[in-house]
C-alpha atoms as a PDB file:
ATOM      1  CA  GLN A   1     180.892 -12.812  42.209  1.00  0.00           C
ATOM      2  CA  ALA A   2     181.220 -14.894  39.108  1.00  0.00           C
ATOM      3  CA  GLN A   3     181.140 -18.579  40.030  1.00  0.00           C
ATOM      4  CA  LEU A   4     180.829 -21.974  38.283  1.00  0.00           C
ATOM      5  CA  VAL A   5     180.623 -25.106  40.438  1.00  0.00           C
ATOM      6  CA  GLU A   6     180.939 -28.641  39.021  1.00  0.00           C
ATOM      7  CA  SER A   7     179.687 -31.815  40.751  1.00  0.00           C
ATOM      8  CA  GLY A   8     178.922 -35.343  39.870  1.00  0.00           C
ATOM      9  CA  GLY A   9     182.334 -36.796  39.202  1.00  0.00           C
ATOM     10  CA  GLY A  10     183.485 -40.111  40.684  1.00  0.00           C
ATOM     11  CA  LEU A  11     184.688 -43.594  39.910  1.00  0.00           C
ATOM     12  CA  VAL A  12     182.865 -45.776  37.383  1.00  0.00           C
ATOM     13  CA  GLN A  13     183.553 -49.048  35.591  1.00  0.00           C
ATOM     14  CA  ALA A  14     183.935 -49.081  31.780  1.00  0.00           C
ATOM     15  CA  GLY A  15     180.518 -49.051  30.139  1.00  0.00           C
ATOM     16  CA  GLY A  16     178.930 -47.101  33.012  1.00  0.00           C
ATOM     17  CA  SER A  17     177.491 -43.654  33.168  1.00  0.00           C
ATOM     18  CA  LEU A  18     177.800 -40.405  35.217  1.00  0.00           C
ATOM     19  CA  ARG A  19     175.871 -37.074  34.931  1.00  0.00           C
ATOM     20  CA  LEU A  20     178.048 -33.848  35.589  1.00  0.00           C
ATOM     21  CA  SER A  21     176.366 -30.629  36.743  1.00  0.00           C
ATOM     22  CA  CYS A  22     177.669 -27.111  36.600  1.00  0.00           C
ATOM     23  CA  ALA A  23     175.765 -24.391  38.490  1.00  0.00           C
ATOM     24  CA  ALA A  24     176.387 -20.876  37.202  1.00  0.00           C
ATOM     25  CA  SER A  25     176.063 -17.665  39.390  1.00  0.00           C
ATOM     26  CA  GLY A  26     177.079 -14.023  39.639  1.00  0.00           C
ATOM     27  CA  ARG A  27     178.479 -12.420  36.523  1.00  0.00           C
ATOM     28  CA  THR A  28     178.487 -15.688  34.627  1.00  0.00           C
ATOM     29  CA  PHE A  29     174.733 -14.981  34.007  1.00  0.00           C
ATOM     30  CA  SER A  30     175.743 -12.532  31.417  1.00  0.00           C
ATOM     31  CA  SER A  31     177.504 -15.395  29.426  1.00  0.00           C
ATOM     32  CA  ASN A  32     175.786 -16.876  26.526  1.00  0.00           C
ATOM     33  CA  VAL A  33     177.840 -19.942  25.899  1.00  0.00           C
ATOM     34  CA  MET A  34     178.704 -22.788  28.177  1.00  0.00           C
ATOM     35  CA  GLY A  35     181.343 -25.533  27.605  1.00  0.00           C
ATOM     36  CA  TRP A  36     182.683 -28.703  28.959  1.00  0.00           C
ATOM     37  CA  PHE A  37     186.436 -29.371  28.795  1.00  0.00           C
ATOM     38  CA  ARG A  38     188.593 -32.158  30.118  1.00  0.00           C
ATOM     39  CA  GLN A  39     192.227 -32.576  31.039  1.00  0.00           C
ATOM     40  CA  ALA A  40     194.104 -35.876  31.688  1.00  0.00           C
ATOM     41  CA  PRO A  41     197.552 -35.905  33.349  1.00  0.00           C
ATOM     42  CA  GLY A  42     200.267 -34.618  31.048  1.00  0.00           C
ATOM     43  CA  LYS A  43     197.876 -33.770  28.276  1.00  0.00           C
ATOM     44  CA  GLU A  44     196.338 -30.371  26.969  1.00  0.00           C
ATOM     45  CA  ARG A  45     192.936 -29.443  28.033  1.00  0.00           C
ATOM     46  CA  GLU A  46     190.564 -30.405  25.346  1.00  0.00           C
ATOM     47  CA  PHE A  47     186.995 -29.544  24.172  1.00  0.00           C
ATOM     48  CA  VAL A  48     184.243 -31.844  25.107  1.00  0.00           C
ATOM     49  CA  ALA A  49     180.944 -30.224  24.349  1.00  0.00           C
ATOM     50  CA  THR A  50     179.248 -26.788  24.397  1.00  0.00           C
ATOM     51  CA  ILE A  51     175.688 -25.221  24.425  1.00  0.00           C
ATOM     52  CA  GLY A  52     174.121 -21.764  24.151  1.00  0.00           C
ATOM     53  CA  TRP A  53     171.897 -20.448  26.963  1.00  0.00           C
ATOM     54  CA  ILE A  54     169.399 -19.122  24.438  1.00  0.00           C
ATOM     55  CA  GLY A  55     169.824 -20.824  21.089  1.00  0.00           C
ATOM     56  CA  SER A  56     170.592 -24.228  22.545  1.00  0.00           C
ATOM     57  CA  ALA A  57     172.646 -25.345  19.557  1.00  0.00           C
ATOM     58  CA  THR A  58     175.148 -28.020  20.618  1.00  0.00           C
ATOM     59  CA  TYR A  59     178.528 -29.243  19.484  1.00  0.00           C
ATOM     60  CA  TYR A  60     180.478 -32.269  20.462  1.00  0.00           C
ATOM     61  CA  ALA A  61     184.046 -33.487  20.129  1.00  0.00           C
ATOM     62  CA  ASP A  62     184.335 -36.581  17.815  1.00  0.00           C
ATOM     63  CA  SER A  63     185.619 -38.717  20.591  1.00  0.00           C
ATOM     64  CA  VAL A  64     182.338 -38.322  22.574  1.00  0.00           C
ATOM     65  CA  LYS A  65     179.582 -38.108  20.001  1.00  0.00           C
ATOM     66  CA  GLY A  66     176.835 -40.617  20.486  1.00  0.00           C
ATOM     67  CA  ARG A  67     177.920 -41.186  24.071  1.00  0.00           C
ATOM     68  CA  PHE A  68     177.766 -37.722  25.796  1.00  0.00           C
ATOM     69  CA  THR A  69     174.863 -35.281  25.830  1.00  0.00           C
ATOM     70  CA  ILE A  70     174.996 -31.681  26.998  1.00  0.00           C
ATOM     71  CA  SER A  71     171.788 -30.178  28.175  1.00  0.00           C
ATOM     72  CA  LYS A  72     170.703 -27.266  30.390  1.00  0.00           C
ATOM     73  CA  ASN A  73     168.061 -26.010  32.863  1.00  0.00           C
ATOM     74  CA  ASN A  74     167.781 -22.206  32.348  1.00  0.00           C
ATOM     75  CA  ALA A  75     165.605 -21.680  35.380  1.00  0.00           C
ATOM     76  CA  LYS A  76     168.296 -23.361  37.508  1.00  0.00           C
ATOM     77  CA  ASN A  77     171.220 -21.687  35.709  1.00  0.00           C
ATOM     78  CA  THR A  78     172.689 -25.239  35.405  1.00  0.00           C
ATOM     79  CA  VAL A  79     174.296 -27.226  32.673  1.00  0.00           C
ATOM     80  CA  TYR A  80     174.608 -30.896  32.552  1.00  0.00           C
ATOM     81  CA  LEU A  81     176.830 -33.488  30.826  1.00  0.00           C
ATOM     82  CA  GLN A  82     175.319 -36.957  30.638  1.00  0.00           C
ATOM     83  CA  MET A  83     178.096 -39.452  30.009  1.00  0.00           C
ATOM     84  CA  ASN A  84     177.277 -42.937  28.897  1.00  0.00           C
ATOM     85  CA  SER A  85     179.247 -45.972  27.708  1.00  0.00           C
ATOM     86  CA  LEU A  86     182.208 -44.581  29.472  1.00  0.00           C
ATOM     87  CA  LYS A  87     185.772 -45.628  28.554  1.00  0.00           C
ATOM     88  CA  PRO A  88     188.964 -45.632  30.411  1.00  0.00           C
ATOM     89  CA  GLU A  89     190.180 -42.995  27.836  1.00  0.00           C
ATOM     90  CA  ASP A  90     187.446 -40.625  29.327  1.00  0.00           C
ATOM     91  CA  THR A  91     189.401 -40.478  32.590  1.00  0.00           C
ATOM     92  CA  ALA A  92     190.150 -36.806  33.268  1.00  0.00           C
ATOM     93  CA  VAL A  93     189.385 -33.753  35.365  1.00  0.00           C
ATOM     94  CA  TYR A  94     186.274 -32.179  33.783  1.00  0.00           C
ATOM     95  CA  TYR A  95     185.821 -28.356  33.847  1.00  0.00           C
ATOM     96  CA  CYS A  96     182.833 -26.307  33.078  1.00  0.00           C
ATOM     97  CA  ALA A  97     183.394 -22.985  31.403  1.00  0.00           C
ATOM     98  CA  ALA A  98     181.457 -19.883  30.226  1.00  0.00           C
ATOM     99  CA  LYS A  99     182.046 -17.220  27.626  1.00  0.00           C
ATOM    100  CA  SER A 100     180.287 -14.328  25.819  1.00  0.00           C
ATOM    101  CA  GLY A 101     179.734 -14.214  22.148  1.00  0.00           C
ATOM    102  CA  SER A 102     179.966 -17.105  19.672  1.00  0.00           C
ATOM    103  CA  TYR A 103     180.394 -20.758  20.173  1.00  0.00           C
ATOM    104  CA  SER A 104     184.056 -21.872  20.591  1.00  0.00           C
ATOM    105  CA  LEU A 105     186.102 -25.040  20.903  1.00  0.00           C
ATOM    106  CA  SER A 106     189.228 -23.166  22.244  1.00  0.00           C
ATOM    107  CA  PRO A 107     189.725 -23.093  25.966  1.00  0.00           C
ATOM    108  CA  SER A 108     191.597 -19.761  25.745  1.00  0.00           C
ATOM    109  CA  LEU A 109     188.380 -17.946  24.714  1.00  0.00           C
ATOM    110  CA  TYR A 110     186.339 -18.830  27.785  1.00  0.00           C
ATOM    111  CA  ASP A 111     186.154 -16.208  30.548  1.00  0.00           C
ATOM    112  CA  TYR A 112     185.129 -18.246  33.578  1.00  0.00           C
ATOM    113  CA  TRP A 113     186.053 -21.638  34.724  1.00  0.00           C
ATOM    114  CA  GLY A 114     184.924 -24.040  37.531  1.00  0.00           C
ATOM    115  CA  GLN A 115     187.244 -25.861  39.833  1.00  0.00           C
ATOM    116  CA  GLY A 116     186.944 -29.168  37.975  1.00  0.00           C
ATOM    117  CA  THR A 117     185.486 -32.449  38.980  1.00  0.00           C
ATOM    118  CA  GLN A 118     187.369 -35.850  38.610  1.00  0.00           C
ATOM    119  CA  VAL A 119     186.108 -38.683  36.571  1.00  0.00           C
ATOM    120  CA  THR A 120     187.829 -41.992  36.717  1.00  0.00           C
ATOM    121  CA  VAL A 121     186.795 -44.893  34.508  1.00  0.00           C
ATOM    122  CA  SER A 122     188.277 -48.380  35.426  1.00  0.00           C
ATOM    123  CA  SER A 123     188.759 -51.295  32.991  1.00  0.00           C
END
């Protein structure tokens, strides 16, 4: 079955770093675009970063440019999100997602989602 599993979340002080991982399996192998999204309490789910399995082009939200890096290991079917210089505003549940076709910043266009992993940044 299709499955995305995130890991690596936790509690970190402002200025610190975390690396999130997303392991893909099942029908998600047929997807060609992977993305990271986040959702804070009371807010809409927002785009963070995306990468293609084949082309490897990347896109980032303005709020994380220069601080976050999305990468992948095709052999392991795993996508990563390296988060540096974390701020309290980065606190949210982070979700991994997959879709077919073109790159997209819209959560509604992604077909598969992980369960999410909590990232909390203290001041």
